């Protein structure tokens, strides 16, 4: 708007400001006031220290570095679309929900990896959360991710009749 005349005086804007002194309280406010534009469980969990540490670990301690996307679009905001597509093509992008599901399947829990709701998968109080956010399982998450990507590519390349006869 170039000047004040462009503003419609009949419009009212309602805002609520909540001052949070700690991250735990801020996370609870996000969770319990999440009604108009629902935030997905992956975005709510993205503030958890375990996921932040997993992101740091995969991007700095592993070669080649992987981009662990702990919230939708979070890590890749700094990259342009060409770079994002390159990362996806080179299998270097691990999104948190598919990464968690792949790891659970890789660790012998395939049924749970498919059937768990995202609410349970990202709930710190549930028994599966510490399994997939544990840094000890980071390399297994990478292996599960790479295996899934390779299988997806093979299935796309193979004629469907060959898959049925295998």
Protein backbone atom coordinates (compact mmCIF):
# COMPACT_ATOMS: atom_id res chain seq x y z
CA UNK A 1 0.00 0.00 0.00
CA UNK A 2 1.39 3.29 -1.06
CA UNK A 3 -0.48 5.48 1.37
CA UNK A 4 -3.04 5.40 4.17
CA UNK A 5 -5.95 5.92 1.75
CA UNK A 6 -5.42 2.35 0.46
CA UNK A 7 -6.38 0.93 3.88
CA UNK A 8 -10.03 0.01 4.39
CA UNK A 9 -11.04 1.41 7.80
CA UNK A 10 -13.80 -1.19 8.16
CA UNK A 11 -11.32 -4.06 8.41
CA UNK A 12 -10.49 -5.25 11.90
CA UNK A 13 -7.54 -7.46 12.66
CA UNK A 14 -7.59 -9.64 15.75
CA UNK A 15 -4.28 -10.80 17.20
CA UNK A 16 -3.32 -12.57 20.37
CA UNK A 17 0.14 -12.14 21.82
CA UNK A 18 1.40 -14.69 24.31
CA UNK A 19 4.80 -14.17 25.87
CA UNK A 20 6.53 -17.50 26.45
CA UNK A 21 9.52 -17.65 28.74
CA UNK A 22 10.50 -21.19 27.74
CA UNK A 23 10.28 -23.39 24.66
CA UNK A 24 8.19 -26.02 26.42
CA UNK A 25 5.41 -23.55 27.15
CA UNK A 26 5.58 -22.13 23.62
CA UNK A 27 5.19 -25.64 22.20
CA UNK A 28 2.15 -26.27 24.40
CA UNK A 29 0.55 -23.01 23.28
CA UNK A 30 1.06 -24.05 19.63
CA UNK A 31 -0.47 -27.46 20.31
CA UNK A 32 -3.51 -26.37 22.30
CA UNK A 33 -4.40 -23.30 20.23
CA UNK A 34 -4.05 -25.14 16.92
CA UNK A 35 -7.59 -24.79 15.59
CA UNK A 36 -7.94 -22.41 12.63
CA UNK A 37 -5.09 -23.49 10.40
CA UNK A 38 -4.15 -26.90 11.76
CA UNK A 39 -0.48 -27.49 12.20
CA UNK A 40 0.66 -31.01 11.41
CA UNK A 41 2.25 -33.13 14.17
CA UNK A 42 5.59 -33.04 12.32
CA UNK A 43 5.63 -29.24 12.61
CA UNK A 44 4.72 -29.29 16.30
CA UNK A 45 7.46 -31.82 17.05
CA UNK A 46 10.04 -29.91 15.02
CA UNK A 47 10.96 -27.85 18.09
CA UNK A 48 11.90 -30.95 20.09
CA UNK A 49 15.58 -31.03 21.05
CA UNK A 50 15.89 -34.63 19.82
CA UNK A 51 14.86 -33.68 16.28
CA UNK A 52 17.09 -30.62 16.29
CA UNK A 53 20.03 -32.79 17.34
CA UNK A 54 19.18 -35.40 14.70
CA UNK A 55 19.11 -32.65 12.07
CA UNK A 56 22.51 -31.33 13.20
CA UNK A 57 23.99 -34.83 13.28
CA UNK A 58 22.82 -35.80 9.79
CA UNK A 59 23.98 -32.51 8.29
CA UNK A 60 27.42 -32.35 9.93
CA UNK A 61 28.61 -35.75 11.20
CA UNK A 62 27.71 -37.94 8.24
CA UNK A 63 29.42 -37.91 4.84
CA UNK A 64 27.88 -37.05 2.51
CA UNK A 65 25.74 -34.66 4.54
CA UNK A 66 22.03 -35.35 4.54
CA UNK A 67 19.35 -32.72 4.85
CA UNK A 68 16.96 -33.91 7.54
CA UNK A 69 13.77 -31.93 7.18
CA UNK A 70 12.34 -31.88 10.70
CA UNK A 71 9.46 -29.65 9.64
CA UNK A 72 7.87 -29.19 6.25
CA UNK A 73 10.07 -26.86 4.21
CA UNK A 74 12.12 -25.97 7.27
CA UNK A 75 15.68 -26.77 6.29
CA UNK A 76 15.30 -26.08 2.60
CA UNK A 77 14.09 -22.50 2.83
CA UNK A 78 17.65 -21.33 2.27
CA UNK A 79 17.95 -23.27 -0.99
CA UNK A 80 16.42 -22.56 -4.36
CA UNK A 81 14.17 -25.02 -6.21
CA UNK A 82 17.01 -26.26 -8.42
CA UNK A 83 19.10 -27.16 -5.36
CA UNK A 84 16.11 -28.81 -3.66
CA UNK A 85 15.41 -30.98 -6.72
CA UNK A 86 19.11 -31.92 -6.90
CA UNK A 87 19.08 -32.97 -3.22
CA UNK A 88 15.98 -35.08 -3.77
CA UNK A 89 17.47 -36.67 -6.88
CA UNK A 90 20.71 -37.48 -5.07
CA UNK A 91 18.75 -38.96 -2.15
CA UNK A 92 20.26 -36.46 0.29
CA UNK A 93 16.92 -35.15 1.60
CA UNK A 94 15.29 -37.13 4.40
CA UNK A 95 11.87 -35.88 5.43
CA UNK A 96 11.10 -36.62 9.07
CA UNK A 97 7.86 -38.59 8.74
CA UNK A 98 8.98 -40.87 5.87
CA UNK A 99 12.38 -41.15 7.56
CA UNK A 100 10.80 -42.25 10.83
CA UNK A 101 8.49 -44.73 9.11
CA UNK A 102 11.35 -46.17 7.04
CA UNK A 103 13.53 -46.58 10.12
CA UNK A 104 10.80 -48.39 12.04
CA UNK A 105 10.32 -50.80 9.12
CA UNK A 106 14.10 -51.26 8.85
CA UNK A 107 14.26 -52.09 12.58
CA UNK A 108 11.70 -54.87 12.18
CA UNK A 109 8.49 -52.95 12.84
CA UNK A 110 6.95 -52.78 9.33
CA UNK A 111 3.34 -53.01 10.52
CA UNK A 112 3.82 -50.16 12.98
CA UNK A 113 5.63 -48.08 10.38
CA UNK A 114 2.53 -48.18 8.18
CA UNK A 115 -0.26 -48.12 10.76
CA UNK A 116 0.90 -45.48 13.23
CA UNK A 117 -0.80 -42.14 12.91
CA UNK A 118 1.42 -39.09 12.65
CA UNK A 119 0.04 -37.96 16.02
CA UNK A 120 1.50 -41.07 17.68
CA UNK A 121 4.69 -41.07 15.62
CA UNK A 122 5.55 -37.53 16.74
CA UNK A 123 4.32 -37.85 20.34
CA UNK A 124 7.29 -37.72 22.74
CA UNK A 125 5.35 -39.79 25.26
CA UNK A 126 4.81 -42.72 22.90
CA UNK A 127 7.24 -45.65 22.85
CA UNK A 128 8.19 -45.23 19.17
CA UNK A 129 9.39 -41.62 19.42
CA UNK A 130 12.64 -42.36 21.28
CA UNK A 131 13.41 -45.18 18.84
CA UNK A 132 13.41 -43.08 15.71
CA UNK A 133 14.87 -39.90 17.23
CA UNK A 134 17.82 -41.69 18.86
CA UNK A 135 21.14 -40.69 17.30
CA UNK A 136 22.29 -44.31 17.59
CA UNK A 137 19.77 -45.10 14.84
CA UNK A 138 20.74 -42.23 12.52
CA UNK A 139 22.83 -44.41 10.20
CA UNK A 140 20.02 -46.99 10.07
CA UNK A 141 17.64 -44.18 9.07
CA UNK A 142 19.99 -43.28 6.21
CA UNK A 143 20.19 -46.92 5.08
CA UNK A 144 16.40 -47.27 5.21
CA UNK A 145 16.02 -44.02 3.26
CA UNK A 146 18.50 -45.08 0.57
CA UNK A 147 16.96 -48.56 0.26
CA UNK A 148 13.47 -47.07 -0.10
CA UNK A 149 14.62 -44.59 -2.75
CA UNK A 150 16.44 -47.30 -4.72
CA UNK A 151 13.45 -49.68 -4.59
CA UNK A 152 11.17 -46.87 -5.74
CA UNK A 153 13.47 -46.20 -8.70
CA UNK A 154 13.71 -49.89 -9.60
CA UNK A 155 9.94 -50.26 -9.52
CA UNK A 156 9.55 -47.21 -11.78
CA UNK A 157 12.09 -48.61 -14.27
CA UNK A 158 10.88 -52.23 -14.33
CA UNK A 159 8.06 -53.34 -16.58
CA UNK A 160 5.05 -54.26 -14.45
CA UNK A 161 4.84 -57.79 -15.86
CA UNK A 162 8.37 -58.53 -14.61
CA UNK A 163 7.36 -57.55 -11.08
CA UNK A 164 4.43 -59.97 -11.15
CA UNK A 165 6.65 -62.86 -12.28
CA UNK A 166 9.42 -62.25 -9.75
